């Protein structure tokens, strides 16, 4: 198999399909699957059928965003399972990538329980001048919608 390249859609046995984010030393790859990034050996990967014919278009964000997209054409970030500190780092990268990609809106999935990540997300978004407005999704209190 040809070594995977960033942007390739691949399959990881037992986990599913994802997108290669970066290639690291020792034949390891960072692959985004279902809103999570994982490091796997290139030998554990197989090119997904769509990517076998050509390279997939690289996602705007850490592939976690592509995989967790709620609606077609909407960038999203799933923060489930993150600490508040890790969530803020991911949010900063996500907002930066979305702005560079020219996105008009985006979705942050923070969950409903506890509320610490939701409060931190809202506090951070208040500080970002490029975010025109943000609000909870009226259909799901565990999701914040933002407009750039």
Protein backbone atom coordinates (compact mmCIF):
# COMPACT_ATOMS: atom_id res chain seq x y z
CA UNK A 1 0.00 0.00 0.00
CA UNK A 2 1.15 3.52 -0.75
CA UNK A 3 1.87 5.39 2.47
CA UNK A 4 -1.09 7.57 3.48
CA UNK A 5 -0.83 11.32 3.07
CA UNK A 6 -2.56 14.12 5.01
CA UNK A 7 -6.09 14.45 3.70
CA UNK A 8 -6.46 10.79 2.72
CA UNK A 9 -9.63 9.05 3.84
CA UNK A 10 -8.61 5.82 5.55
CA UNK A 11 -10.16 2.93 7.47
CA UNK A 12 -8.89 1.82 10.89
CA UNK A 13 -10.07 -1.69 11.78
CA UNK A 14 -12.33 -1.62 14.80
CA UNK A 15 -12.74 2.15 14.74
CA UNK A 16 -14.09 3.11 11.32
CA UNK A 17 -13.19 5.60 8.62
CA UNK A 18 -11.44 8.88 9.17
CA UNK A 19 -9.08 11.41 7.63
CA UNK A 20 -5.30 11.47 8.02
CA UNK A 21 -4.37 14.75 9.70
CA UNK A 22 -0.60 14.42 9.83
CA UNK A 23 2.24 11.97 9.39
CA UNK A 24 4.62 11.52 12.30
CA UNK A 25 7.96 9.78 12.61
CA UNK A 26 8.15 6.03 13.03
CA UNK A 27 5.39 5.39 10.51
CA UNK A 28 2.67 6.79 12.75
CA UNK A 29 -0.30 8.84 11.54
CA UNK A 30 -2.73 11.14 13.31
CA UNK A 31 -6.19 10.13 12.10
CA UNK A 32 -9.43 11.93 12.96
CA UNK A 33 -12.32 9.51 13.49
CA UNK A 34 -15.76 10.39 14.82
CA UNK A 35 -14.70 13.66 16.39
CA UNK A 36 -11.51 12.30 17.94
CA UNK A 37 -7.89 12.29 16.85
CA UNK A 38 -5.90 9.11 17.35
CA UNK A 39 -2.34 8.08 16.56
CA UNK A 40 -2.05 4.77 14.73
CA UNK A 41 0.65 2.93 12.83
CA UNK A 42 0.43 3.34 9.06
CA UNK A 43 0.39 -0.46 8.85
CA UNK A 44 -3.01 -0.42 10.63
CA UNK A 45 -4.55 1.77 7.93
CA UNK A 46 -6.17 0.94 4.63
CA UNK A 47 -7.26 3.55 2.12
CA UNK A 48 -11.03 3.98 2.07
CA UNK A 49 -12.60 3.18 -1.34
CA UNK A 50 -13.14 6.86 -2.24
CA UNK A 51 -9.53 7.72 -1.42
CA UNK A 52 -8.08 4.78 -3.34
CA UNK A 53 -8.74 6.59 -6.64
CA UNK A 54 -7.37 9.95 -5.52
CA UNK A 55 -6.64 12.06 -2.53
CA UNK A 56 -9.52 13.23 -0.39
CA UNK A 57 -9.92 16.95 0.15
CA UNK A 58 -8.25 17.84 3.43
CA UNK A 59 -10.71 19.00 6.07
CA UNK A 60 -10.61 22.54 7.37
CA UNK A 61 -10.12 21.47 10.95
CA UNK A 62 -8.72 18.71 12.81
CA UNK A 63 -10.67 16.06 11.08
CA UNK A 64 -12.68 15.70 14.23
CA UNK A 65 -14.68 18.57 12.86
CA UNK A 66 -15.34 16.92 9.52
CA UNK A 67 -16.38 13.67 11.12
CA UNK A 68 -18.66 15.33 13.65
CA UNK A 69 -20.37 17.69 11.24
CA UNK A 70 -24.05 18.11 12.17
CA UNK A 71 -25.29 19.49 8.88
CA UNK A 72 -23.91 19.43 5.37
CA UNK A 73 -21.58 22.38 4.90
CA UNK A 74 -21.48 23.28 8.60
CA UNK A 75 -18.22 22.98 10.49
CA UNK A 76 -18.56 21.48 13.93
CA UNK A 77 -16.40 20.67 16.91
CA UNK A 78 -17.32 17.97 19.44
CA UNK A 79 -15.83 18.64 22.88
CA UNK A 80 -17.24 15.61 24.68
CA UNK A 81 -14.64 13.99 26.91
CA UNK A 82 -12.30 17.00 26.94
CA UNK A 83 -11.06 18.79 30.02
CA UNK A 84 -11.90 22.49 30.11
CA UNK A 85 -8.29 23.36 29.26
CA UNK A 86 -8.13 20.93 26.31
CA UNK A 87 -11.55 22.11 25.13
CA UNK A 88 -10.37 25.73 25.05
CA UNK A 89 -7.29 24.80 23.05
CA UNK A 90 -9.43 22.85 20.57
CA UNK A 91 -11.94 25.71 20.39
CA UNK A 92 -9.22 28.26 19.64
CA UNK A 93 -7.83 26.10 16.80
CA UNK A 94 -11.33 25.43 15.49
CA UNK A 95 -12.38 29.10 15.39
CA UNK A 96 -9.10 30.05 13.74
CA UNK A 97 -9.44 27.32 11.10
CA UNK A 98 -13.10 28.19 10.46
CA UNK A 99 -12.25 31.86 9.96
CA UNK A 100 -9.38 31.02 7.63
CA UNK A 101 -11.73 28.78 5.64
CA UNK A 102 -14.22 31.63 5.28
CA UNK A 103 -16.99 29.91 7.24
CA UNK A 104 -20.07 31.99 8.01
CA UNK A 105 -21.24 29.83 10.89
CA UNK A 106 -20.14 26.85 12.97
CA UNK A 107 -21.33 24.48 15.66
CA UNK A 108 -19.70 23.58 18.97
CA UNK A 109 -21.00 20.46 20.71
CA UNK A 110 -20.20 20.73 24.41
CA UNK A 111 -22.86 18.57 26.04
CA UNK A 112 -25.41 19.41 28.72
CA UNK A 113 -24.14 17.81 31.90
CA UNK A 114 -22.10 19.84 34.34
CA UNK A 115 -21.96 22.97 32.21
CA UNK A 116 -18.30 23.81 32.84
CA UNK A 117 -17.28 23.38 29.22
CA UNK A 118 -20.37 25.24 27.98
CA UNK A 119 -19.60 28.16 30.33
CA UNK A 120 -15.95 28.19 29.23
CA UNK A 121 -16.94 28.07 25.53
CA UNK A 122 -19.33 30.99 25.95
CA UNK A 123 -16.77 33.02 27.94
CA UNK A 124 -14.14 32.42 25.23
CA UNK A 125 -16.50 33.27 22.36
CA UNK A 126 -17.32 36.60 24.05
CA UNK A 127 -13.61 37.44 23.72
CA UNK A 128 -13.38 36.68 19.99
CA UNK A 129 -14.19 39.80 17.95
CA UNK A 130 -14.74 37.78 14.77
CA UNK A 131 -17.67 35.92 16.33
CA UNK A 132 -20.64 38.18 15.63
CA UNK A 133 -22.99 36.21 17.84
CA UNK A 134 -23.47 32.81 19.44
CA UNK A 135 -26.38 31.09 21.13
CA UNK A 136 -27.59 27.71 22.35
CA UNK A 137 -29.29 25.57 19.75
CA UNK A 138 -33.00 25.80 20.59
CA UNK A 139 -33.35 22.09 19.81
CA UNK A 140 -30.36 20.94 21.89
CA UNK A 141 -28.97 22.74 24.94
CA UNK A 142 -25.72 20.80 24.55
CA UNK A 143 -24.87 22.67 21.34
CA UNK A 144 -23.77 26.26 20.73
CA UNK A 145 -24.26 27.82 17.32
CA UNK A 146 -22.03 30.70 16.26
CA UNK A 147 -22.09 33.22 13.45
CA UNK A 148 -18.93 34.87 12.11
